[in-house]
Amino acid sequence: TKEGEQMPKAITVSNSLGAFSFYGVPMDIFKDYTISVIEGNSNAASYLCNKFNEKPEFVGNINAHFKYIPTEKTYSETILTPTKEDVKLLLLDFLKKKLEIEYEDRVLFPKASDSPYKVFANNSEIPDEKMDMILQQVPMEMIKQITVVNYNTPNKYFSGVLNIKFTVGDEPTIDKETQLFSLPRIK
């Protein structure tokens, strides 16, 4: 990469035979997998996902989550909290006032970029068909805060993320039956 450009990053998932798992292709839970984070031309971190020795007692999918601390900050985060003067504004008008954004065909994007924002409400993605209703009809008095995450180097898919927290309504919670465990870091 050129000087000043962000190093490319990727995540790979492979088993002991070198077979890769791709989006939509399930992993075989009876095999060990290595999850690797690639920065530039080197492996920055690796995590071991151990195989199951016996069939799980639950039905459904297993989700693995891990937090990787990159060598450089890749985004900036801002919290927008409405003031008393903002409560009568509609959500879209508030966003246009606070951020330099455009809204067209159910797509919200910064004026400085062609890549859109991914928009969430209470940590759940807003479907395209609900975007107009939420942005153009919801008053700011119903909004607790908005978290704005801007990527330092936007990619061709997204410039960042907006997460709208409403004053009412529950955030998604983890089911009590869910078992959480951490993947051991091996590099």
N, C-alpha and C. Protein backbone atom coordinates (compact mmCIF):
# COMPACT_ATOMS: atom_id res chain seq x y z
N THR A 1 0.84 -1.19 0.00
CA THR A 1 0.00 0.00 0.00
C THR A 1 0.88 1.24 0.00
N LYS A 2 0.30 2.35 -0.45
CA LYS A 2 1.02 3.62 -0.46
C LYS A 2 1.13 4.16 0.96
N GLU A 3 2.11 5.02 1.17
CA GLU A 3 2.30 5.60 2.50
C GLU A 3 1.06 6.39 2.90
N GLY A 4 0.60 6.19 4.13
CA GLY A 4 -0.58 6.89 4.63
C GLY A 4 -1.88 6.13 4.43
N GLU A 5 -1.87 5.13 3.54
CA GLU A 5 -3.08 4.33 3.33
C GLU A 5 -3.20 3.29 4.42
N GLN A 6 -4.42 2.93 4.72
CA GLN A 6 -4.67 1.92 5.74
C GLN A 6 -4.33 0.54 5.16
N MET A 7 -3.71 -0.30 5.98
CA MET A 7 -3.37 -1.64 5.53
C MET A 7 -4.63 -2.46 5.33
N PRO A 8 -4.66 -3.29 4.30
CA PRO A 8 -5.86 -4.13 4.11
C PRO A 8 -5.99 -5.14 5.24
N LYS A 9 -7.23 -5.44 5.63
CA LYS A 9 -7.49 -6.39 6.70
C LYS A 9 -8.45 -7.44 6.20
N ALA A 10 -8.30 -8.64 6.70
CA ALA A 10 -9.20 -9.73 6.32
C ALA A 10 -9.27 -10.72 7.48
N ILE A 11 -10.31 -11.53 7.49
CA ILE A 11 -10.45 -12.59 8.47
C ILE A 11 -10.62 -13.90 7.71
N THR A 12 -9.83 -14.89 8.08
CA THR A 12 -9.95 -16.21 7.46
C THR A 12 -10.35 -17.23 8.52
N VAL A 13 -11.09 -18.23 8.10
CA VAL A 13 -11.49 -19.33 8.98
C VAL A 13 -11.12 -20.62 8.25
N SER A 14 -10.25 -21.42 8.85
CA SER A 14 -9.84 -22.66 8.19
C SER A 14 -9.74 -23.79 9.21
N ASN A 15 -9.91 -25.03 8.73
CA ASN A 15 -9.76 -26.17 9.62
C ASN A 15 -8.37 -26.77 9.45
N SER A 16 -8.10 -27.87 10.13
CA SER A 16 -6.77 -28.46 10.11
C SER A 16 -6.37 -28.96 8.72
N LEU A 17 -7.34 -29.19 7.85
CA LEU A 17 -7.04 -29.64 6.50
C LEU A 17 -6.82 -28.47 5.55
N GLY A 18 -7.00 -27.25 6.05
CA GLY A 18 -6.83 -26.07 5.21
C GLY A 18 -8.09 -25.66 4.48
N ALA A 19 -9.21 -26.35 4.74
CA ALA A 19 -10.47 -25.99 4.07
C ALA A 19 -11.03 -24.73 4.71
N PHE A 20 -11.47 -23.82 3.88
CA PHE A 20 -12.01 -22.55 4.37
C PHE A 20 -13.52 -22.60 4.48
N SER A 21 -14.05 -21.82 5.41
CA SER A 21 -15.50 -21.66 5.56
C SER A 21 -15.86 -20.30 5.00
N PHE A 22 -16.86 -20.25 4.14
CA PHE A 22 -17.30 -19.00 3.54
C PHE A 22 -18.69 -18.66 4.04
N TYR A 23 -19.10 -17.41 3.84
CA TYR A 23 -20.43 -16.96 4.24
C TYR A 23 -21.47 -17.88 3.61
N GLY A 24 -22.36 -18.41 4.41
CA GLY A 24 -23.42 -19.28 3.91
C GLY A 24 -23.04 -20.74 3.91
N VAL A 25 -21.76 -21.06 4.13
CA VAL A 25 -21.32 -22.45 4.19
C VAL A 25 -21.01 -22.76 5.65
N PRO A 26 -21.77 -23.67 6.26
CA PRO A 26 -21.57 -23.93 7.70
C PRO A 26 -20.24 -24.61 7.99
N MET A 27 -19.75 -24.35 9.20
CA MET A 27 -18.54 -25.01 9.67
C MET A 27 -18.92 -26.37 10.25
N ASP A 28 -18.05 -27.33 10.14
CA ASP A 28 -18.25 -28.65 10.74
C ASP A 28 -17.84 -28.53 12.21
N ILE A 29 -18.80 -28.64 13.13
CA ILE A 29 -18.49 -28.42 14.55
C ILE A 29 -17.63 -29.53 15.16
N PHE A 30 -17.41 -30.60 14.42
CA PHE A 30 -16.59 -31.70 14.93
C PHE A 30 -15.14 -31.60 14.44
N LYS A 31 -14.75 -30.42 13.93
CA LYS A 31 -13.37 -30.16 13.52
C LYS A 31 -12.88 -28.89 14.22
N ASP A 32 -11.57 -28.84 14.48
CA ASP A 32 -10.95 -27.62 15.02
C ASP A 32 -10.82 -26.60 13.89
N TYR A 33 -11.05 -25.33 14.21
CA TYR A 33 -10.88 -24.26 13.23
C TYR A 33 -9.98 -23.18 13.80
N THR A 34 -9.27 -22.53 12.93
CA THR A 34 -8.45 -21.38 13.30
C THR A 34 -9.05 -20.16 12.62
N ILE A 35 -9.32 -19.13 13.41
CA ILE A 35 -9.80 -17.86 12.89
C ILE A 35 -8.62 -16.91 12.94
N SER A 36 -8.21 -16.40 11.77
CA SER A 36 -7.03 -15.53 11.69
C SER A 36 -7.41 -14.15 11.19
N VAL A 37 -6.77 -13.14 11.77
CA VAL A 37 -6.94 -11.75 11.33
C VAL A 37 -5.68 -11.38 10.57
N ILE A 38 -5.86 -10.96 9.32
CA ILE A 38 -4.74 -10.62 8.45
C ILE A 38 -4.66 -9.10 8.32
N GLU A 39 -3.46 -8.54 8.56
CA GLU A 39 -3.21 -7.12 8.32
C GLU A 39 -2.05 -7.03 7.35
N GLY A 40 -2.30 -6.44 6.19
CA GLY A 40 -1.26 -6.35 5.18
C GLY A 40 -0.89 -7.74 4.72
N ASN A 41 0.39 -8.08 4.80
CA ASN A 41 0.86 -9.40 4.37
C ASN A 41 1.13 -10.33 5.53
N SER A 42 0.72 -9.96 6.74
CA SER A 42 1.05 -10.81 7.88
C SER A 42 -0.19 -11.16 8.70
N ASN A 43 -0.06 -12.25 9.42
CA ASN A 43 -1.12 -12.73 10.31
C ASN A 43 -0.99 -11.97 11.62
N ALA A 44 -1.96 -11.09 11.93
CA ALA A 44 -1.87 -10.24 13.12
C ALA A 44 -2.32 -10.96 14.38
N ALA A 45 -3.30 -11.85 14.26
CA ALA A 45 -3.81 -12.58 15.43
C ALA A 45 -4.52 -13.83 14.95
N SER A 46 -4.49 -14.86 15.78
CA SER A 46 -5.20 -16.10 15.47
C SER A 46 -5.91 -16.60 16.71
N TYR A 47 -7.08 -17.19 16.50
CA TYR A 47 -7.90 -17.71 17.59
C TYR A 47 -8.27 -19.15 17.26
N LEU A 48 -8.31 -19.99 18.29
CA LEU A 48 -8.65 -21.40 18.09
C LEU A 48 -10.10 -21.64 18.48
N CYS A 49 -10.85 -22.23 17.57
CA CYS A 49 -12.23 -22.62 17.82
C CYS A 49 -12.23 -24.15 17.92
N ASN A 50 -12.27 -24.66 19.15
CA ASN A 50 -12.17 -26.11 19.37
C ASN A 50 -13.41 -26.85 18.91
N LYS A 51 -13.18 -28.07 18.43
CA LYS A 51 -14.28 -28.90 17.96
C LYS A 51 -15.12 -29.41 19.13
N PHE A 52 -16.35 -29.79 18.82
CA PHE A 52 -17.22 -30.44 19.80
C PHE A 52 -16.87 -31.93 19.80
N ASN A 53 -16.79 -32.54 20.98
CA ASN A 53 -16.50 -33.97 21.07
C ASN A 53 -17.76 -34.81 21.06
N GLU A 54 -18.88 -34.20 21.41
CA GLU A 54 -20.16 -34.91 21.35
C GLU A 54 -21.21 -33.96 20.82
N LYS A 55 -22.30 -34.51 20.36
CA LYS A 55 -23.35 -33.70 19.75
C LYS A 55 -23.94 -32.74 20.79
N PRO A 56 -24.08 -31.45 20.44
CA PRO A 56 -24.66 -30.48 21.39
C PRO A 56 -26.10 -30.83 21.72
N GLU A 57 -26.55 -30.41 22.89
CA GLU A 57 -27.92 -30.70 23.33
C GLU A 57 -28.92 -29.70 22.79
N PHE A 58 -28.47 -28.68 22.09
CA PHE A 58 -29.38 -27.67 21.57
C PHE A 58 -29.47 -27.78 20.05
N VAL A 59 -30.53 -27.18 19.51
CA VAL A 59 -30.73 -27.16 18.06
C VAL A 59 -30.49 -25.73 17.60
N GLY A 60 -29.85 -25.56 16.47
CA GLY A 60 -29.65 -24.21 15.93
C GLY A 60 -28.21 -23.94 15.60
N ASN A 61 -27.91 -22.68 15.41
CA ASN A 61 -26.58 -22.26 15.00
C ASN A 61 -25.73 -21.86 16.20
N ILE A 62 -24.44 -21.92 16.00
CA ILE A 62 -23.48 -21.45 16.99
C ILE A 62 -22.84 -20.21 16.41
N ASN A 63 -22.83 -19.13 17.16
CA ASN A 63 -22.18 -17.90 16.72
C ASN A 63 -20.92 -17.69 17.55
N ALA A 64 -19.83 -17.39 16.88
CA ALA A 64 -18.58 -17.10 17.57
C ALA A 64 -18.29 -15.62 17.43
N HIS A 65 -17.98 -14.96 18.55
CA HIS A 65 -17.65 -13.54 18.55
C HIS A 65 -16.30 -13.37 19.21
N PHE A 66 -15.49 -12.51 18.65
CA PHE A 66 -14.24 -12.19 19.31
C PHE A 66 -13.93 -10.73 19.05
N LYS A 67 -13.22 -10.12 19.99
CA LYS A 67 -12.86 -8.71 19.85
C LYS A 67 -11.39 -8.64 19.50
N TYR A 68 -11.12 -8.00 18.39
CA TYR A 68 -9.74 -7.82 17.95
C TYR A 68 -9.39 -6.34 18.06
N ILE A 69 -8.33 -6.04 18.77
CA ILE A 69 -7.87 -4.66 18.90
C ILE A 69 -6.87 -4.41 17.77
N PRO A 70 -7.23 -3.60 16.77
CA PRO A 70 -6.31 -3.36 15.65
C PRO A 70 -5.11 -2.54 16.07
N THR A 71 -4.08 -2.56 15.23
CA THR A 71 -2.86 -1.82 15.54
C THR A 71 -3.06 -0.32 15.37
N GLU A 72 -4.09 0.08 14.62
CA GLU A 72 -4.39 1.49 14.45
C GLU A 72 -5.90 1.69 14.54
N LYS A 73 -6.33 2.87 14.93
CA LYS A 73 -7.76 3.15 15.05
C LYS A 73 -8.34 3.31 13.64
N THR A 74 -9.39 2.57 13.35
CA THR A 74 -9.96 2.57 12.00
C THR A 74 -11.24 3.37 11.90
N TYR A 75 -11.70 3.94 13.00
CA TYR A 75 -12.96 4.68 12.97
C TYR A 75 -12.97 5.76 14.06
N SER A 76 -13.91 6.69 13.93
CA SER A 76 -14.15 7.67 14.99
C SER A 76 -15.61 7.53 15.42
N GLU A 77 -15.87 7.78 16.68
CA GLU A 77 -17.21 7.60 17.23
C GLU A 77 -17.68 8.90 17.89
N THR A 78 -18.94 9.27 17.60
CA THR A 78 -19.54 10.47 18.17
C THR A 78 -20.92 10.11 18.71
N ILE A 79 -21.25 10.64 19.88
CA ILE A 79 -22.59 10.44 20.46
C ILE A 79 -23.36 11.75 20.31
N LEU A 80 -24.51 11.69 19.66
CA LEU A 80 -25.39 12.86 19.51
C LEU A 80 -26.56 12.71 20.47
N THR A 81 -26.74 13.69 21.34
CA THR A 81 -27.84 13.69 22.29
C THR A 81 -28.70 14.91 22.01
N PRO A 82 -30.01 14.73 21.79
CA PRO A 82 -30.87 15.88 21.48
C PRO A 82 -31.02 16.81 22.68
N THR A 83 -31.06 18.11 22.38
CA THR A 83 -31.30 19.12 23.41
C THR A 83 -32.79 19.47 23.43
N LYS A 84 -33.17 20.36 24.33
CA LYS A 84 -34.58 20.78 24.41
C LYS A 84 -35.04 21.44 23.12
N GLU A 85 -34.14 22.14 22.44
CA GLU A 85 -34.48 22.79 21.18
C GLU A 85 -34.68 21.78 20.05
N ASP A 86 -34.08 20.60 20.18
CA ASP A 86 -34.14 19.59 19.12
C ASP A 86 -35.37 18.70 19.18
N VAL A 87 -36.09 18.67 20.29
CA VAL A 87 -37.14 17.66 20.49
C VAL A 87 -38.27 17.74 19.47
N LYS A 88 -38.52 18.90 18.88
CA LYS A 88 -39.60 19.03 17.91
C LYS A 88 -39.15 18.71 16.48
N LEU A 89 -37.84 18.58 16.28
CA LEU A 89 -37.33 18.23 14.95
C LEU A 89 -37.63 16.77 14.64
N LEU A 90 -37.79 16.47 13.36
CA LEU A 90 -37.87 15.07 12.94
C LEU A 90 -36.45 14.51 12.90
N LEU A 91 -36.33 13.22 13.01
CA LEU A 91 -35.03 12.56 13.06
C LEU A 91 -34.14 12.95 11.88
N LEU A 92 -34.68 12.91 10.67
CA LEU A 92 -33.88 13.25 9.48
C LEU A 92 -33.41 14.70 9.53
N ASP A 93 -34.27 15.61 9.95
CA ASP A 93 -33.88 17.02 10.06
C ASP A 93 -32.78 17.21 11.10
N PHE A 94 -32.87 16.49 12.21
CA PHE A 94 -31.84 16.55 13.25
C PHE A 94 -30.50 16.06 12.70
N LEU A 95 -30.52 14.94 11.97
CA LEU A 95 -29.28 14.40 11.41
C LEU A 95 -28.67 15.36 10.40
N LYS A 96 -29.52 15.99 9.58
CA LYS A 96 -29.01 16.96 8.60
C LYS A 96 -28.42 18.19 9.29
N LYS A 97 -28.99 18.56 10.43
CA LYS A 97 -28.50 19.71 11.20
C LYS A 97 -27.15 19.40 11.85
N LYS A 98 -27.00 18.20 12.40
CA LYS A 98 -25.80 17.85 13.15
C LYS A 98 -24.67 17.28 12.28
N LEU A 99 -25.03 16.59 11.21
CA LEU A 99 -24.05 15.94 10.34
C LEU A 99 -24.23 16.46 8.92
N GLU A 100 -23.21 16.44 8.13
CA GLU A 100 -23.35 16.81 6.72
C GLU A 100 -23.75 15.55 5.96
N ILE A 101 -25.08 15.33 5.86
CA ILE A 101 -25.57 14.11 5.23
C ILE A 101 -26.62 14.42 4.16
N GLU A 102 -26.84 13.44 3.31
CA GLU A 102 -27.89 13.47 2.29
C GLU A 102 -28.75 12.23 2.49
N TYR A 103 -30.01 12.33 2.05
CA TYR A 103 -30.91 11.18 2.12
C TYR A 103 -31.63 11.08 0.79
N GLU A 104 -31.46 9.93 0.14
CA GLU A 104 -32.05 9.73 -1.18
C GLU A 104 -32.36 8.25 -1.38
N ASP A 105 -33.57 7.95 -1.82
CA ASP A 105 -33.99 6.57 -2.11
C ASP A 105 -33.69 5.61 -0.95
N ARG A 106 -34.09 6.01 0.25
CA ARG A 106 -33.91 5.19 1.47
C ARG A 106 -32.45 4.94 1.82
N VAL A 107 -31.57 5.80 1.35
CA VAL A 107 -30.14 5.67 1.62
C VAL A 107 -29.65 6.96 2.27
N LEU A 108 -28.96 6.81 3.39
CA LEU A 108 -28.40 7.93 4.14
C LEU A 108 -26.89 7.89 3.97
N PHE A 109 -26.30 8.98 3.46
CA PHE A 109 -24.86 8.97 3.24
C PHE A 109 -24.27 10.36 3.50
N PRO A 110 -22.99 10.41 3.91
CA PRO A 110 -22.35 11.70 4.13
C PRO A 110 -22.10 12.41 2.79
N LYS A 111 -22.15 13.74 2.81
CA LYS A 111 -21.93 14.51 1.58
C LYS A 111 -20.54 14.27 1.01
N ALA A 112 -19.58 13.95 1.86
CA ALA A 112 -18.19 13.77 1.43
C ALA A 112 -17.93 12.39 0.83
N SER A 113 -18.93 11.51 0.79
CA SER A 113 -18.70 10.14 0.33
C SER A 113 -19.91 9.62 -0.44
N ASP A 114 -19.66 8.68 -1.34
CA ASP A 114 -20.75 8.01 -2.06
C ASP A 114 -21.21 6.76 -1.32
N SER A 115 -20.46 6.35 -0.32
CA SER A 115 -20.82 5.15 0.44
C SER A 115 -21.84 5.50 1.52
N PRO A 116 -22.88 4.67 1.69
CA PRO A 116 -23.94 4.99 2.65
C PRO A 116 -23.57 4.63 4.09
N TYR A 117 -24.41 5.09 5.00
CA TYR A 117 -24.36 4.65 6.39
C TYR A 117 -25.22 3.40 6.53
N LYS A 118 -24.82 2.50 7.40
CA LYS A 118 -25.67 1.39 7.83
C LYS A 118 -26.43 1.92 9.03
N VAL A 119 -27.77 1.81 9.03
CA VAL A 119 -28.58 2.44 10.07
C VAL A 119 -29.25 1.38 10.94
N PHE A 120 -29.09 1.54 12.26
CA PHE A 120 -29.65 0.63 13.25
C PHE A 120 -30.56 1.39 14.20
N ALA A 121 -31.53 0.70 14.78
CA ALA A 121 -32.38 1.24 15.84
C ALA A 121 -32.31 0.27 17.00
N ASN A 122 -31.88 0.74 18.16
CA ASN A 122 -31.69 -0.11 19.34
C ASN A 122 -30.89 -1.37 19.00
N ASN A 123 -29.80 -1.18 18.27
CA ASN A 123 -28.85 -2.24 17.90
C ASN A 123 -29.39 -3.26 16.90
N SER A 124 -30.52 -3.00 16.26
CA SER A 124 -31.06 -3.89 15.23
C SER A 124 -31.13 -3.12 13.92
N GLU A 125 -30.69 -3.76 12.84
CA GLU A 125 -30.68 -3.08 11.54
C GLU A 125 -32.10 -2.69 11.11
N ILE A 126 -32.25 -1.49 10.58
CA ILE A 126 -33.55 -1.02 10.10
C ILE A 126 -33.75 -1.53 8.68
N PRO A 127 -34.84 -2.27 8.42
CA PRO A 127 -35.10 -2.73 7.05
C PRO A 127 -35.35 -1.54 6.12
N ASP A 128 -35.00 -1.69 4.85
CA ASP A 128 -35.17 -0.61 3.87
C ASP A 128 -36.59 -0.07 3.84
N GLU A 129 -37.58 -0.95 3.92
CA GLU A 129 -38.98 -0.51 3.82
C GLU A 129 -39.43 0.33 5.01
N LYS A 130 -38.68 0.30 6.12
CA LYS A 130 -39.03 1.10 7.32
C LYS A 130 -38.21 2.39 7.41
N MET A 131 -37.22 2.54 6.55
CA MET A 131 -36.30 3.67 6.64
C MET A 131 -37.01 5.01 6.51
N ASP A 132 -37.88 5.17 5.50
CA ASP A 132 -38.61 6.43 5.32
C ASP A 132 -39.43 6.78 6.56
N MET A 133 -40.16 5.80 7.07
CA MET A 133 -41.03 6.04 8.21
C MET A 133 -40.21 6.52 9.43
N ILE A 134 -39.13 5.84 9.72
CA ILE A 134 -38.35 6.17 10.91
C ILE A 134 -37.64 7.52 10.76
N LEU A 135 -37.01 7.75 9.63
CA LEU A 135 -36.24 8.99 9.47
C LEU A 135 -37.12 10.22 9.25
N GLN A 136 -38.26 10.05 8.57
CA GLN A 136 -39.06 11.22 8.19
C GLN A 136 -40.30 11.44 9.05
N GLN A 137 -40.61 10.53 9.98
CA GLN A 137 -41.80 10.69 10.79
C GLN A 137 -41.55 10.68 12.30
N VAL A 138 -40.41 10.17 12.73
CA VAL A 138 -40.13 10.06 14.16
C VAL A 138 -39.56 11.38 14.68
N PRO A 139 -40.21 11.99 15.71
CA PRO A 139 -39.68 13.22 16.29
C PRO A 139 -38.53 12.91 17.26
N MET A 140 -37.66 13.88 17.44
CA MET A 140 -36.49 13.70 18.30
C MET A 140 -36.86 13.50 19.76
N GLU A 141 -38.06 13.85 20.18
CA GLU A 141 -38.46 13.62 21.57
C GLU A 141 -38.53 12.13 21.88
N MET A 142 -38.58 11.29 20.85
CA MET A 142 -38.60 9.83 21.05
C MET A 142 -37.20 9.22 21.03
N ILE A 143 -36.18 10.05 20.81
CA ILE A 143 -34.81 9.56 20.66
C ILE A 143 -34.00 9.92 21.90
N LYS A 144 -33.32 8.91 22.46
CA LYS A 144 -32.44 9.14 23.62
C LYS A 144 -31.08 9.65 23.16
N GLN A 145 -30.49 8.94 22.20
CA GLN A 145 -29.19 9.34 21.65
C GLN A 145 -28.94 8.62 20.34
N ILE A 146 -27.97 9.13 19.59
CA ILE A 146 -27.57 8.51 18.32
C ILE A 146 -26.06 8.35 18.36
N THR A 147 -25.60 7.14 18.14
CA THR A 147 -24.17 6.88 18.05
C THR A 147 -23.78 6.89 16.58
N VAL A 148 -22.81 7.72 16.23
CA VAL A 148 -22.34 7.83 14.84
C VAL A 148 -20.92 7.29 14.79
N VAL A 149 -20.72 6.26 13.98
CA VAL A 149 -19.39 5.69 13.77
C VAL A 149 -19.00 5.97 12.33
N ASN A 150 -17.92 6.73 12.14
CA ASN A 150 -17.41 7.03 10.80
C ASN A 150 -16.10 6.29 10.59
N TYR A 151 -16.01 5.54 9.49
CA TYR A 151 -14.76 4.87 9.16
C TYR A 151 -13.75 5.92 8.70
N ASN A 152 -12.51 5.82 9.17
CA ASN A 152 -11.47 6.75 8.74
C ASN A 152 -11.23 6.64 7.24
N THR A 153 -11.29 5.42 6.72
CA THR A 153 -11.18 5.18 5.29
C THR A 153 -12.42 4.41 4.86
N PRO A 154 -13.47 5.12 4.39
CA PRO A 154 -14.70 4.41 4.00
C PRO A 154 -14.41 3.43 2.86
N ASN A 155 -15.08 2.28 2.91
CA ASN A 155 -14.93 1.34 1.80
C ASN A 155 -16.04 1.59 0.79
N LYS A 156 -16.10 0.79 -0.25
CA LYS A 156 -17.11 1.04 -1.29
C LYS A 156 -18.51 0.66 -0.83
N TYR A 157 -18.63 -0.03 0.31
CA TYR A 157 -19.94 -0.47 0.79
C TYR A 157 -20.53 0.47 1.84
N PHE A 158 -19.72 0.94 2.80
CA PHE A 158 -20.24 1.76 3.89
C PHE A 158 -19.26 2.84 4.31
N SER A 159 -19.81 3.98 4.72
CA SER A 159 -19.01 5.07 5.30
C SER A 159 -18.95 4.95 6.81
N GLY A 160 -19.94 4.26 7.36
CA GLY A 160 -20.01 4.12 8.80
C GLY A 160 -21.35 3.59 9.24
N VAL A 161 -21.66 3.79 10.52
CA VAL A 161 -22.86 3.23 11.12
C VAL A 161 -23.54 4.29 11.97
N LEU A 162 -24.88 4.31 11.93
CA LEU A 162 -25.68 5.12 12.85
C LEU A 162 -26.51 4.16 13.68
N ASN A 163 -26.46 4.29 15.01
CA ASN A 163 -27.30 3.48 15.88
C ASN A 163 -28.19 4.42 16.68
N ILE A 164 -29.50 4.35 16.42
CA ILE A 164 -30.48 5.24 17.03
C ILE A 164 -31.05 4.54 18.25
N LYS A 165 -30.91 5.16 19.43
CA LYS A 165 -31.46 4.60 20.66
C LYS A 165 -32.74 5.35 21.01
N PHE A 166 -33.85 4.63 21.03
CA PHE A 166 -35.14 5.23 21.36
C PHE A 166 -35.30 5.34 22.88
N THR A 167 -36.15 6.27 23.32
CA THR A 167 -36.41 6.43 24.76
C THR A 167 -37.26 5.30 25.29
N VAL A 168 -38.02 4.62 24.43
CA VAL A 168 -38.82 3.46 24.83
C VAL A 168 -38.44 2.29 23.95
N GLY A 169 -38.77 1.10 24.40
CA GLY A 169 -38.46 -0.10 23.61
C GLY A 169 -37.24 -0.78 24.15
N ASP A 170 -37.24 -2.07 24.01
CA ASP A 170 -36.14 -2.87 24.55
C ASP A 170 -35.08 -3.09 23.49
N GLU A 171 -33.84 -3.10 23.96
CA GLU A 171 -32.76 -3.52 23.10
C GLU A 171 -32.77 -5.04 23.07
N PRO A 172 -32.31 -5.65 21.96
CA PRO A 172 -32.26 -7.11 21.94
C PRO A 172 -31.40 -7.62 23.09
N THR A 173 -31.85 -8.68 23.72
CA THR A 173 -31.10 -9.26 24.83
C THR A 173 -30.70 -10.68 24.50
N ILE A 174 -29.73 -11.18 25.22
CA ILE A 174 -29.28 -12.55 25.02
C ILE A 174 -30.20 -13.49 25.77
N ASP A 175 -30.65 -14.51 25.09
CA ASP A 175 -31.53 -15.50 25.70
C ASP A 175 -30.81 -16.16 26.87
N LYS A 176 -31.54 -16.48 27.94
CA LYS A 176 -30.94 -17.07 29.14
C LYS A 176 -30.30 -18.42 28.86
N GLU A 177 -30.77 -19.11 27.83
CA GLU A 177 -30.24 -20.43 27.51
C GLU A 177 -28.92 -20.35 26.73
N THR A 178 -28.56 -19.16 26.24
CA THR A 178 -27.36 -19.02 25.43
C THR A 178 -26.12 -19.22 26.29
N GLN A 179 -25.20 -20.03 25.78
CA GLN A 179 -23.94 -20.24 26.47
C GLN A 179 -22.89 -19.37 25.80
N LEU A 180 -22.18 -18.58 26.57
CA LEU A 180 -21.13 -17.73 26.03
C LEU A 180 -19.77 -18.29 26.44
N PHE A 181 -18.84 -18.27 25.51
CA PHE A 181 -17.49 -18.68 25.82
C PHE A 181 -16.54 -17.91 24.93
N SER A 182 -15.31 -17.76 25.38
CA SER A 182 -14.31 -17.01 24.63
C SER A 182 -13.43 -17.98 23.86
N LEU A 183 -12.99 -17.53 22.69
CA LEU A 183 -12.05 -18.32 21.92
C LEU A 183 -10.64 -17.99 22.40
N PRO A 184 -9.82 -19.00 22.66
CA PRO A 184 -8.46 -18.72 23.10
C PRO A 184 -7.62 -18.15 21.97
N ARG A 185 -6.83 -17.12 22.28
CA ARG A 185 -5.94 -16.53 21.27
C ARG A 185 -4.68 -17.37 21.22
N ILE A 186 -4.27 -17.77 20.03
CA ILE A 186 -3.09 -18.63 19.89
C ILE A 186 -1.90 -17.89 19.29
N LYS A 187 -2.10 -16.66 18.86
CA LYS A 187 -0.98 -15.86 18.35
C LYS A 187 -1.16 -14.44 18.77
